[in-house]
Amino acid sequence: MTAGFEETRLDPSENDPGRSHDEGGSAQNGSDEDRGRGLRARDRRIVQAIALITVLPALLVLHWVDDVHNVRKNLEPPVKAATVARGASGTLGGAEWRLQQRQAAPGPGPDTASLRLVLAVRPLDAAGVKLLGSYGLTYRLRDGDGHEWSAAGLALGTPRVGAWARVTVSASVPRSKTGSVALEVRPPAYRRTKGALPSLRFAP
């Protein structure tokens, strides 16, 4: 009686113990690479977000500055100033203007000065009377470099045609500018018809 033998096939991985280990290692390496790519993509998104947050405010500021410049350009008309020499008179808005007095005093700050200027104004007609009492008549001090300082003007008395009135102008300027700034008188912008807005600039 012949005994039967059952043929047993061995798993190749059993003959090659390193094979299963290599396959497992390859899968592990692939998983690590996927995670690395995911981290790199996430890092890029974070860097992009940070860059956007950093640049966006600067862009908004530039846009705002440009808008302010455009608003000023559109709202403030061009000015054509006629220079008035010392002791001379100039005509503006139907009135004769003359700078009579200029006085400086210590200002509110260590490097500032309070400047007080007195103007004599004589309306030549009804338009000149209206100008002195109108809203929008402005006074500014200007140096040779184009820097400007706002000033406040106060008219004393009731203006009448042919009669001299007194206007006191006060402003705070850098102490080093007290002797070099020129007083500029500008009529209201709404009185302008075409072209540049006329004004008077009294030499220091």
N, C-alpha and C. Protein backbone atom coordinates (compact mmCIF):
# COMPACT_ATOMS: atom_id res chain seq x y z
N MET A 1 0.88 -1.19 0.00
CA MET A 1 0.00 0.00 0.00
C MET A 1 0.90 1.21 0.00
N THR A 2 0.64 1.98 -0.92
CA THR A 2 1.53 3.14 -1.09
C THR A 2 0.92 4.33 -0.39
N ALA A 3 1.72 5.02 0.44
CA ALA A 3 1.24 6.21 1.20
C ALA A 3 1.24 7.44 0.30
N GLY A 4 0.14 8.28 0.39
CA GLY A 4 0.05 9.52 -0.41
C GLY A 4 0.65 10.72 0.32
N PHE A 5 1.33 11.48 -0.43
CA PHE A 5 1.93 12.69 0.16
C PHE A 5 1.23 13.93 -0.44
N GLU A 6 0.87 14.87 0.43
CA GLU A 6 0.22 16.14 -0.02
C GLU A 6 1.30 17.19 -0.21
N GLU A 7 1.30 17.73 -1.40
CA GLU A 7 2.32 18.74 -1.71
C GLU A 7 1.94 20.07 -1.08
N THR A 8 2.85 20.59 -0.39
CA THR A 8 2.62 21.88 0.31
C THR A 8 3.44 22.94 -0.37
N ARG A 9 2.74 24.04 -0.78
CA ARG A 9 3.42 25.17 -1.41
C ARG A 9 3.73 26.22 -0.35
N LEU A 10 4.94 26.64 -0.35
CA LEU A 10 5.37 27.65 0.62
C LEU A 10 5.10 29.05 0.09
N ASP A 11 4.67 29.89 0.99
CA ASP A 11 4.49 31.31 0.63
C ASP A 11 5.84 31.92 0.33
N PRO A 12 5.99 32.56 -0.82
CA PRO A 12 7.30 33.13 -1.16
C PRO A 12 7.81 34.08 -0.09
N SER A 13 6.89 34.68 0.58
CA SER A 13 7.35 35.60 1.61
C SER A 13 7.97 34.88 2.77
N GLU A 14 7.56 33.61 2.94
CA GLU A 14 8.18 32.85 4.01
C GLU A 14 9.60 32.49 3.64
N ASN A 15 9.85 32.19 2.34
CA ASN A 15 11.21 31.92 1.92
C ASN A 15 12.07 33.16 1.93
N ASP A 16 11.39 34.33 1.72
CA ASP A 16 12.15 35.59 1.67
C ASP A 16 11.61 36.52 2.75
N PRO A 17 12.13 36.35 3.96
CA PRO A 17 11.59 37.16 5.08
C PRO A 17 11.74 38.65 4.83
N GLY A 18 12.73 39.07 4.09
CA GLY A 18 12.93 40.50 3.89
C GLY A 18 11.94 41.12 2.94
N ARG A 19 11.22 40.29 2.18
CA ARG A 19 10.31 40.84 1.16
C ARG A 19 9.14 41.57 1.80
N SER A 20 8.49 40.89 2.73
CA SER A 20 7.36 41.53 3.40
C SER A 20 7.80 42.78 4.13
N HIS A 21 9.00 42.73 4.68
CA HIS A 21 9.52 43.89 5.39
C HIS A 21 9.75 45.06 4.44
N ASP A 22 10.27 44.71 3.20
CA ASP A 22 10.52 45.76 2.22
C ASP A 22 9.22 46.37 1.75
N GLU A 23 8.22 45.50 1.52
CA GLU A 23 6.93 46.02 1.06
C GLU A 23 6.31 46.91 2.12
N GLY A 24 6.40 46.48 3.35
CA GLY A 24 5.86 47.30 4.43
C GLY A 24 6.60 48.61 4.54
N GLY A 25 7.96 48.51 4.33
CA GLY A 25 8.74 49.75 4.39
C GLY A 25 8.39 50.69 3.26
N SER A 26 8.12 50.15 2.07
CA SER A 26 7.75 51.00 0.94
C SER A 26 6.43 51.70 1.22
N ALA A 27 5.48 50.98 1.79
CA ALA A 27 4.18 51.59 2.11
C ALA A 27 4.35 52.68 3.15
N GLN A 28 5.22 52.41 4.13
CA GLN A 28 5.45 53.42 5.17
C GLN A 28 6.11 54.67 4.58
N ASN A 29 7.09 54.42 3.68
CA ASN A 29 7.76 55.56 3.04
C ASN A 29 6.77 56.37 2.21
N GLY A 30 5.88 55.68 1.49
CA GLY A 30 4.89 56.39 0.70
C GLY A 30 3.99 57.24 1.57
N SER A 31 3.59 56.68 2.71
CA SER A 31 2.74 57.45 3.62
C SER A 31 3.47 58.68 4.14
N ASP A 32 4.77 58.54 4.46
CA ASP A 32 5.55 59.68 4.93
C ASP A 32 5.68 60.75 3.85
N GLU A 33 5.89 60.31 2.61
CA GLU A 33 6.00 61.27 1.52
C GLU A 33 4.70 62.03 1.31
N ASP A 34 3.55 61.32 1.42
CA ASP A 34 2.26 61.97 1.26
C ASP A 34 2.06 63.02 2.35
N ARG A 35 2.44 62.62 3.59
CA ARG A 35 2.30 63.58 4.68
C ARG A 35 3.22 64.78 4.46
N GLY A 36 4.44 64.53 3.94
CA GLY A 36 5.37 65.62 3.67
C GLY A 36 4.83 66.58 2.63
N ARG A 37 4.23 65.99 1.57
CA ARG A 37 3.65 66.86 0.55
C ARG A 37 2.49 67.66 1.10
N GLY A 38 1.68 67.02 1.97
CA GLY A 38 0.57 67.73 2.58
C GLY A 38 1.04 68.87 3.47
N LEU A 39 2.11 68.61 4.23
CA LEU A 39 2.64 69.66 5.09
C LEU A 39 3.21 70.80 4.27
N ARG A 40 3.93 70.47 3.19
CA ARG A 40 4.49 71.52 2.35
C ARG A 40 3.40 72.38 1.73
N ALA A 41 2.33 71.76 1.25
CA ALA A 41 1.23 72.51 0.67
C ALA A 41 0.58 73.41 1.71
N ARG A 42 0.41 72.86 2.92
CA ARG A 42 -0.19 73.66 3.98
C ARG A 42 0.72 74.82 4.37
N ASP A 43 2.03 74.55 4.41
CA ASP A 43 2.97 75.63 4.72
C ASP A 43 2.91 76.73 3.67
N ARG A 44 2.79 76.34 2.42
CA ARG A 44 2.70 77.35 1.36
C ARG A 44 1.46 78.20 1.53
N ARG A 45 0.34 77.55 1.88
CA ARG A 45 -0.89 78.32 2.07
C ARG A 45 -0.76 79.28 3.23
N ILE A 46 -0.09 78.84 4.30
CA ILE A 46 0.11 79.72 5.47
C ILE A 46 0.97 80.92 5.10
N VAL A 47 2.07 80.66 4.36
CA VAL A 47 2.95 81.75 3.93
C VAL A 47 2.21 82.72 3.03
N GLN A 48 1.40 82.19 2.11
CA GLN A 48 0.63 83.06 1.22
C GLN A 48 -0.36 83.92 1.99
N ALA A 49 -1.00 83.30 3.00
CA ALA A 49 -1.96 84.06 3.81
C ALA A 49 -1.27 85.17 4.58
N ILE A 50 -0.09 84.85 5.16
CA ILE A 50 0.66 85.85 5.92
C ILE A 50 1.10 86.99 4.99
N ALA A 51 1.56 86.64 3.79
CA ALA A 51 1.98 87.67 2.84
C ALA A 51 0.81 88.56 2.45
N LEU A 52 -0.37 87.97 2.25
CA LEU A 52 -1.54 88.75 1.89
C LEU A 52 -1.94 89.69 3.02
N ILE A 53 -1.90 89.17 4.26
CA ILE A 53 -2.25 90.01 5.41
C ILE A 53 -1.26 91.16 5.55
N THR A 54 0.01 90.91 5.23
CA THR A 54 1.04 91.95 5.37
C THR A 54 0.92 93.01 4.28
N VAL A 55 0.64 92.60 3.05
CA VAL A 55 0.63 93.52 1.92
C VAL A 55 -0.68 94.29 1.81
N LEU A 56 -1.79 93.67 2.20
CA LEU A 56 -3.09 94.29 2.02
C LEU A 56 -3.22 95.65 2.70
N PRO A 57 -2.81 95.80 3.99
CA PRO A 57 -2.91 97.14 4.59
C PRO A 57 -2.12 98.20 3.84
N ALA A 58 -0.94 97.84 3.34
CA ALA A 58 -0.13 98.81 2.60
C ALA A 58 -0.86 99.24 1.32
N LEU A 59 -1.49 98.28 0.64
CA LEU A 59 -2.24 98.62 -0.56
C LEU A 59 -3.41 99.53 -0.25
N LEU A 60 -4.10 99.24 0.87
CA LEU A 60 -5.23 100.09 1.28
C LEU A 60 -4.76 101.49 1.61
N VAL A 61 -3.62 101.62 2.30
CA VAL A 61 -3.09 102.94 2.65
C VAL A 61 -2.75 103.73 1.39
N LEU A 62 -2.08 103.07 0.43
CA LEU A 62 -1.73 103.74 -0.81
C LEU A 62 -2.97 104.20 -1.55
N HIS A 63 -4.00 103.34 -1.55
CA HIS A 63 -5.25 103.70 -2.22
C HIS A 63 -5.90 104.88 -1.52
N TRP A 64 -5.87 104.89 -0.16
CA TRP A 64 -6.46 105.98 0.59
C TRP A 64 -5.71 107.29 0.35
N VAL A 65 -4.37 107.24 0.35
CA VAL A 65 -3.58 108.45 0.09
C VAL A 65 -3.88 108.99 -1.29
N ASP A 66 -3.99 108.10 -2.26
CA ASP A 66 -4.28 108.53 -3.61
C ASP A 66 -5.67 109.16 -3.70
N ASP A 67 -6.65 108.59 -2.98
CA ASP A 67 -7.99 109.16 -2.96
C ASP A 67 -8.00 110.54 -2.32
N VAL A 68 -7.26 110.69 -1.21
CA VAL A 68 -7.18 111.99 -0.54
C VAL A 68 -6.58 113.03 -1.47
N HIS A 69 -5.52 112.63 -2.19
CA HIS A 69 -4.89 113.54 -3.14
C HIS A 69 -5.88 113.96 -4.22
N ASN A 70 -6.65 113.00 -4.73
CA ASN A 70 -7.61 113.33 -5.78
C ASN A 70 -8.72 114.23 -5.26
N VAL A 71 -9.18 113.98 -4.02
CA VAL A 71 -10.23 114.81 -3.44
C VAL A 71 -9.73 116.24 -3.28
N ARG A 72 -8.52 116.40 -2.74
CA ARG A 72 -7.98 117.74 -2.58
C ARG A 72 -7.80 118.44 -3.92
N LYS A 73 -7.35 117.65 -4.91
CA LYS A 73 -7.12 118.23 -6.23
C LYS A 73 -8.43 118.73 -6.83
N ASN A 74 -9.53 117.98 -6.58
CA ASN A 74 -10.81 118.37 -7.16
C ASN A 74 -11.51 119.46 -6.35
N LEU A 75 -11.34 119.44 -5.02
CA LEU A 75 -12.04 120.41 -4.18
C LEU A 75 -11.31 121.74 -4.10
N GLU A 76 -10.01 121.74 -4.08
CA GLU A 76 -9.25 122.98 -3.96
C GLU A 76 -8.89 123.48 -5.36
N PRO A 77 -9.45 124.61 -5.75
CA PRO A 77 -9.17 125.13 -7.10
C PRO A 77 -7.75 125.67 -7.17
N PRO A 78 -7.21 125.79 -8.37
CA PRO A 78 -5.89 126.42 -8.52
C PRO A 78 -5.96 127.88 -8.12
N VAL A 79 -4.87 128.36 -7.56
CA VAL A 79 -4.82 129.73 -7.03
C VAL A 79 -3.81 130.55 -7.83
N LYS A 80 -4.19 131.76 -8.18
CA LYS A 80 -3.29 132.70 -8.84
C LYS A 80 -3.11 133.89 -7.91
N ALA A 81 -1.94 133.97 -7.29
CA ALA A 81 -1.69 135.00 -6.28
C ALA A 81 -0.96 136.18 -6.89
N ALA A 82 -1.44 137.38 -6.54
CA ALA A 82 -0.77 138.62 -6.92
C ALA A 82 0.03 139.10 -5.71
N THR A 83 1.33 139.27 -5.89
CA THR A 83 2.20 139.67 -4.78
C THR A 83 2.09 141.18 -4.53
N VAL A 84 1.90 141.52 -3.26
CA VAL A 84 1.79 142.92 -2.86
C VAL A 84 3.05 143.27 -2.08
N ALA A 85 3.77 144.28 -2.55
CA ALA A 85 5.02 144.69 -1.88
C ALA A 85 4.71 145.36 -0.54
N ARG A 86 5.73 145.47 0.28
CA ARG A 86 5.58 146.12 1.58
C ARG A 86 5.10 147.56 1.41
N GLY A 87 4.09 147.91 2.21
CA GLY A 87 3.55 149.26 2.17
C GLY A 87 2.60 149.55 1.03
N ALA A 88 2.46 148.61 0.10
CA ALA A 88 1.58 148.81 -1.05
C ALA A 88 0.20 148.21 -0.77
N SER A 89 -0.73 148.50 -1.66
CA SER A 89 -2.09 147.99 -1.55
C SER A 89 -2.40 147.09 -2.73
N GLY A 90 -3.33 146.17 -2.52
CA GLY A 90 -3.79 145.29 -3.58
C GLY A 90 -5.30 145.25 -3.60
N THR A 91 -5.86 144.95 -4.77
CA THR A 91 -7.32 144.90 -4.91
C THR A 91 -7.76 143.45 -5.08
N LEU A 92 -8.78 143.08 -4.30
CA LEU A 92 -9.30 141.72 -4.36
C LEU A 92 -10.78 141.74 -3.99
N GLY A 93 -11.60 141.16 -4.87
CA GLY A 93 -13.02 141.01 -4.56
C GLY A 93 -13.76 142.31 -4.33
N GLY A 94 -13.38 143.37 -5.03
CA GLY A 94 -14.06 144.65 -4.86
C GLY A 94 -13.66 145.40 -3.62
N ALA A 95 -12.45 145.13 -3.09
CA ALA A 95 -11.96 145.83 -1.91
C ALA A 95 -10.47 146.07 -2.04
N GLU A 96 -10.02 147.14 -1.38
CA GLU A 96 -8.60 147.46 -1.34
C GLU A 96 -8.01 146.94 -0.03
N TRP A 97 -6.88 146.21 -0.13
CA TRP A 97 -6.26 145.57 1.03
C TRP A 97 -4.85 146.11 1.23
N ARG A 98 -4.51 146.34 2.50
CA ARG A 98 -3.17 146.82 2.83
C ARG A 98 -2.73 146.21 4.17
N LEU A 99 -1.50 145.69 4.19
CA LEU A 99 -0.96 145.13 5.44
C LEU A 99 -0.33 146.27 6.24
N GLN A 100 -0.85 146.47 7.44
CA GLN A 100 -0.40 147.59 8.26
C GLN A 100 0.58 147.19 9.36
N GLN A 101 0.38 146.03 9.94
CA GLN A 101 1.17 145.67 11.11
C GLN A 101 1.46 144.17 11.13
N ARG A 102 2.61 143.84 11.66
CA ARG A 102 3.04 142.43 11.77
C ARG A 102 3.78 142.28 13.09
N GLN A 103 3.31 141.39 13.94
CA GLN A 103 3.88 141.25 15.27
C GLN A 103 3.96 139.77 15.65
N ALA A 104 5.11 139.37 16.21
CA ALA A 104 5.33 137.99 16.64
C ALA A 104 5.47 137.93 18.15
N ALA A 105 4.97 136.85 18.74
CA ALA A 105 5.04 136.63 20.18
C ALA A 105 5.31 135.15 20.41
N PRO A 106 5.78 134.75 21.60
CA PRO A 106 6.02 133.34 21.88
C PRO A 106 4.76 132.51 21.66
N GLY A 107 4.95 131.35 21.08
CA GLY A 107 3.82 130.48 20.79
C GLY A 107 3.54 129.48 21.88
N PRO A 108 2.58 128.60 21.68
CA PRO A 108 2.23 127.60 22.69
C PRO A 108 3.30 126.53 22.91
N GLY A 109 4.15 126.33 21.92
CA GLY A 109 5.21 125.33 22.03
C GLY A 109 6.58 125.97 22.05
N PRO A 110 7.61 125.19 22.40
CA PRO A 110 8.96 125.76 22.49
C PRO A 110 9.51 126.25 21.15
N ASP A 111 9.06 125.64 20.06
CA ASP A 111 9.58 126.01 18.73
C ASP A 111 8.54 126.71 17.88
N THR A 112 7.49 127.24 18.49
CA THR A 112 6.44 127.91 17.74
C THR A 112 6.34 129.38 18.15
N ALA A 113 5.70 130.13 17.29
CA ALA A 113 5.47 131.55 17.56
C ALA A 113 4.05 131.90 17.15
N SER A 114 3.46 132.85 17.85
CA SER A 114 2.14 133.37 17.50
C SER A 114 2.33 134.63 16.69
N LEU A 115 1.83 134.59 15.48
CA LEU A 115 2.00 135.72 14.57
C LEU A 115 0.67 136.46 14.44
N ARG A 116 0.74 137.77 14.59
CA ARG A 116 -0.46 138.62 14.50
C ARG A 116 -0.23 139.67 13.42
N LEU A 117 -1.16 139.71 12.47
CA LEU A 117 -1.05 140.65 11.36
C LEU A 117 -2.34 141.47 11.29
N VAL A 118 -2.18 142.75 11.01
CA VAL A 118 -3.33 143.64 10.94
C VAL A 118 -3.47 144.16 9.51
N LEU A 119 -4.65 143.96 8.95
CA LEU A 119 -4.96 144.40 7.59
C LEU A 119 -5.94 145.56 7.64
N ALA A 120 -5.73 146.55 6.77
CA ALA A 120 -6.71 147.61 6.55
C ALA A 120 -7.41 147.32 5.24
N VAL A 121 -8.74 147.26 5.28
CA VAL A 121 -9.52 146.89 4.10
C VAL A 121 -10.57 147.98 3.84
N ARG A 122 -10.64 148.41 2.58
CA ARG A 122 -11.62 149.43 2.21
C ARG A 122 -12.46 148.91 1.05
N PRO A 123 -13.74 148.59 1.31
CA PRO A 123 -14.62 148.13 0.23
C PRO A 123 -14.81 149.22 -0.81
N LEU A 124 -14.69 148.85 -2.07
CA LEU A 124 -14.85 149.80 -3.17
C LEU A 124 -16.26 149.81 -3.72
N ASP A 125 -17.00 148.74 -3.45
CA ASP A 125 -18.39 148.66 -3.92
C ASP A 125 -19.14 147.66 -3.03
N ALA A 126 -20.36 147.35 -3.44
CA ALA A 126 -21.18 146.44 -2.64
C ALA A 126 -20.58 145.04 -2.60
N ALA A 127 -19.88 144.64 -3.68
CA ALA A 127 -19.24 143.33 -3.69
C ALA A 127 -18.14 143.25 -2.63
N GLY A 128 -17.41 144.35 -2.44
CA GLY A 128 -16.38 144.37 -1.42
C GLY A 128 -16.95 144.28 -0.02
N VAL A 129 -18.09 144.95 0.22
CA VAL A 129 -18.76 144.86 1.52
C VAL A 129 -19.22 143.42 1.78
N LYS A 130 -19.77 142.80 0.76
CA LYS A 130 -20.25 141.42 0.90
C LYS A 130 -19.09 140.45 1.14
N LEU A 131 -17.96 140.72 0.49
CA LEU A 131 -16.80 139.83 0.65
C LEU A 131 -16.31 139.81 2.09
N LEU A 132 -16.24 140.98 2.73
CA LEU A 132 -15.74 141.02 4.10
C LEU A 132 -16.63 140.26 5.07
N GLY A 133 -17.91 140.23 4.78
CA GLY A 133 -18.82 139.52 5.68
C GLY A 133 -19.18 138.13 5.23
N SER A 134 -18.50 137.63 4.19
CA SER A 134 -18.87 136.33 3.63
C SER A 134 -18.16 135.18 4.33
N TYR A 135 -18.81 134.02 4.28
CA TYR A 135 -18.20 132.80 4.81
C TYR A 135 -17.32 132.18 3.72
N GLY A 136 -16.14 131.77 4.10
CA GLY A 136 -15.23 131.16 3.13
C GLY A 136 -14.05 132.01 2.78
N LEU A 137 -14.04 133.26 3.25
CA LEU A 137 -12.85 134.09 3.08
C LEU A 137 -11.74 133.53 3.97
N THR A 138 -10.63 133.15 3.36
CA THR A 138 -9.59 132.43 4.10
C THR A 138 -8.28 133.21 4.11
N TYR A 139 -7.52 132.95 5.17
CA TYR A 139 -6.19 133.56 5.35
C TYR A 139 -5.20 132.43 5.60
N ARG A 140 -4.07 132.51 4.94
CA ARG A 140 -3.03 131.49 5.10
C ARG A 140 -1.66 132.15 5.12
N LEU A 141 -0.74 131.48 5.80
CA LEU A 141 0.65 131.92 5.80
C LEU A 141 1.45 130.91 5.01
N ARG A 142 2.35 131.41 4.17
CA ARG A 142 3.07 130.54 3.23
C ARG A 142 4.54 130.94 3.20
N ASP A 143 5.42 129.91 3.23
CA ASP A 143 6.85 130.21 3.14
C ASP A 143 7.33 130.00 1.71
N GLY A 144 8.62 130.23 1.50
CA GLY A 144 9.17 130.13 0.15
C GLY A 144 9.23 128.72 -0.39
N ASP A 145 9.10 127.72 0.47
CA ASP A 145 9.15 126.32 0.03
C ASP A 145 7.78 125.75 -0.27
N GLY A 146 6.74 126.58 -0.13
CA GLY A 146 5.39 126.12 -0.43
C GLY A 146 4.63 125.58 0.75
N HIS A 147 5.22 125.59 1.95
CA HIS A 147 4.51 125.13 3.15
C HIS A 147 3.48 126.18 3.56
N GLU A 148 2.32 125.72 4.00
CA GLU A 148 1.24 126.62 4.38
C GLU A 148 0.76 126.35 5.79
N TRP A 149 0.32 127.42 6.46
CA TRP A 149 -0.28 127.34 7.79
C TRP A 149 -1.58 128.12 7.76
N SER A 150 -2.64 127.51 8.28
CA SER A 150 -3.93 128.18 8.29
C SER A 150 -3.93 129.30 9.33
N ALA A 151 -4.75 130.30 9.11
CA ALA A 151 -4.84 131.45 10.00
C ALA A 151 -6.31 131.84 10.15
N ALA A 152 -6.60 132.54 11.22
CA ALA A 152 -7.96 133.00 11.49
C ALA A 152 -8.02 134.51 11.38
N GLY A 153 -9.05 135.00 10.70
CA GLY A 153 -9.21 136.43 10.51
C GLY A 153 -10.45 136.95 11.22
N LEU A 154 -10.33 138.10 11.85
CA LEU A 154 -11.46 138.71 12.57
C LEU A 154 -11.62 140.15 12.11
N ALA A 155 -12.76 140.45 11.51
CA ALA A 155 -13.05 141.81 11.04
C ALA A 155 -13.73 142.60 12.15
N LEU A 156 -13.26 143.81 12.38
CA LEU A 156 -13.82 144.68 13.41
C LEU A 156 -14.66 145.77 12.77
N GLY A 157 -15.83 146.01 13.32
CA GLY A 157 -16.70 147.04 12.80
C GLY A 157 -17.55 146.54 11.65
N THR A 158 -18.38 147.41 11.17
CA THR A 158 -19.27 147.11 10.05
C THR A 158 -18.69 147.69 8.77
N PRO A 159 -18.40 146.85 7.79
CA PRO A 159 -17.81 147.37 6.55
C PRO A 159 -18.79 148.23 5.77
N ARG A 160 -18.28 149.32 5.21
CA ARG A 160 -19.08 150.24 4.40
C ARG A 160 -18.26 150.64 3.17
N VAL A 161 -18.95 150.94 2.12
CA VAL A 161 -18.27 151.33 0.88
C VAL A 161 -17.48 152.62 1.13
N GLY A 162 -16.20 152.60 0.81
CA GLY A 162 -15.34 153.76 0.93
C GLY A 162 -14.74 153.96 2.30
N ALA A 163 -15.13 153.15 3.30
CA ALA A 163 -14.60 153.32 4.65
C ALA A 163 -13.61 152.19 4.96
N TRP A 164 -12.53 152.54 5.66
CA TRP A 164 -11.52 151.54 6.01
C TRP A 164 -12.00 150.70 7.20
N ALA A 165 -11.83 149.40 7.07
CA ALA A 165 -12.14 148.47 8.15
C ALA A 165 -10.85 147.77 8.56
N ARG A 166 -10.88 147.15 9.71
CA ARG A 166 -9.68 146.50 10.24
C ARG A 166 -9.93 145.00 10.39
N VAL A 167 -8.97 144.22 9.91
CA VAL A 167 -9.03 142.76 10.01
C VAL A 167 -7.76 142.28 10.70
N THR A 168 -7.93 141.55 11.79
CA THR A 168 -6.79 140.99 12.52
C THR A 168 -6.65 139.51 12.19
N VAL A 169 -5.47 139.12 11.75
CA VAL A 169 -5.19 137.73 11.37
C VAL A 169 -4.21 137.14 12.36
N SER A 170 -4.54 135.97 12.89
CA SER A 170 -3.69 135.30 13.88
C SER A 170 -3.39 133.88 13.43
N ALA A 171 -2.15 133.44 13.72
CA ALA A 171 -1.73 132.09 13.34
C ALA A 171 -0.54 131.67 14.18
N SER A 172 -0.36 130.36 14.29
CA SER A 172 0.83 129.79 14.94
C SER A 172 1.71 129.18 13.87
N VAL A 173 2.98 129.56 13.88
CA VAL A 173 3.93 129.09 12.88
C VAL A 173 5.23 128.68 13.58
N PRO A 174 6.10 127.93 12.91
CA PRO A 174 7.42 127.66 13.50
C PRO A 174 8.15 128.97 13.79
N ARG A 175 8.84 129.02 14.89
CA ARG A 175 9.50 130.25 15.30
C ARG A 175 10.50 130.72 14.26
N SER A 176 11.13 129.79 13.56
CA SER A 176 12.12 130.17 12.55
C SER A 176 11.48 130.78 11.30
N LYS A 177 10.14 130.71 11.19
CA LYS A 177 9.46 131.20 10.00
C LYS A 177 8.78 132.54 10.20
N THR A 178 8.85 133.11 11.39
CA THR A 178 8.07 134.32 11.66
C THR A 178 8.42 135.47 10.73
N GLY A 179 9.66 135.58 10.33
CA GLY A 179 10.06 136.70 9.48
C GLY A 179 10.03 136.41 8.00
N SER A 180 9.69 135.17 7.62
CA SER A 180 9.78 134.81 6.20
C SER A 180 8.46 134.38 5.58
N VAL A 181 7.42 134.17 6.38
CA VAL A 181 6.15 133.72 5.81
C VAL A 181 5.38 134.92 5.26
N ALA A 182 4.68 134.68 4.17
CA ALA A 182 3.85 135.71 3.53
C ALA A 182 2.39 135.44 3.84
N LEU A 183 1.64 136.49 4.05
CA LEU A 183 0.20 136.36 4.29
C LEU A 183 -0.53 136.31 2.96
N GLU A 184 -1.40 135.31 2.83
CA GLU A 184 -2.18 135.17 1.61
C GLU A 184 -3.67 135.25 1.95
N VAL A 185 -4.38 136.07 1.19
CA VAL A 185 -5.82 136.25 1.37
C VAL A 185 -6.52 135.66 0.16
N ARG A 186 -7.49 134.76 0.41
CA ARG A 186 -8.21 134.11 -0.67
C ARG A 186 -9.70 134.31 -0.50
N PRO A 187 -10.40 134.69 -1.55
CA PRO A 187 -11.86 134.81 -1.47
C PRO A 187 -12.49 133.42 -1.47
N PRO A 188 -13.77 133.34 -1.16
CA PRO A 188 -14.44 132.03 -1.20
C PRO A 188 -14.35 131.39 -2.57
N ALA A 189 -14.18 130.07 -2.60
CA ALA A 189 -14.02 129.38 -3.87
C ALA A 189 -15.28 129.43 -4.71
N TYR A 190 -16.45 129.56 -4.08
CA TYR A 190 -17.69 129.56 -4.85
C TYR A 190 -17.86 130.84 -5.65
N ARG A 191 -17.06 131.87 -5.35
CA ARG A 191 -17.14 133.13 -6.11
C ARG A 191 -16.35 133.05 -7.42
N ARG A 192 -15.58 131.98 -7.57
CA ARG A 192 -14.77 131.85 -8.79
C ARG A 192 -15.68 131.44 -9.96
N THR A 193 -15.46 132.06 -11.10
CA THR A 193 -16.23 131.71 -12.30
C THR A 193 -15.45 130.71 -13.16
N LYS A 194 -14.38 131.14 -13.74
CA LYS A 194 -13.53 130.27 -14.54
C LYS A 194 -12.07 130.56 -14.24
N GLY A 195 -11.24 129.55 -14.47
CA GLY A 195 -9.81 129.74 -14.27
C GLY A 195 -9.41 129.65 -12.81
N ALA A 196 -8.22 130.17 -12.52
CA ALA A 196 -7.66 130.08 -11.17
C ALA A 196 -8.34 131.08 -10.24
N LEU A 197 -8.31 130.74 -8.96
CA LEU A 197 -8.88 131.61 -7.93
C LEU A 197 -7.91 132.74 -7.63
N PRO A 198 -8.31 134.00 -7.78
CA PRO A 198 -7.40 135.11 -7.51
C PRO A 198 -7.17 135.27 -6.00
N SER A 199 -5.99 135.73 -5.63
CA SER A 199 -5.68 135.95 -4.23
C SER A 199 -4.61 137.02 -4.13
N LEU A 200 -4.42 137.53 -2.92
CA LEU A 200 -3.36 138.49 -2.64
C LEU A 200 -2.34 137.86 -1.72
N ARG A 201 -1.07 138.08 -2.02
CA ARG A 201 0.02 137.57 -1.19
C ARG A 201 0.90 138.74 -0.77
N PHE A 202 0.88 139.03 0.52
CA PHE A 202 1.63 140.17 1.06
C PHE A 202 3.05 139.74 1.41
N ALA A 203 4.01 140.39 0.81
CA ALA A 203 5.42 140.04 1.03
C ALA A 203 5.79 140.25 2.50
N PRO A 204 6.63 139.37 3.06
CA PRO A 204 7.02 139.52 4.47
C PRO A 204 7.94 140.72 4.68
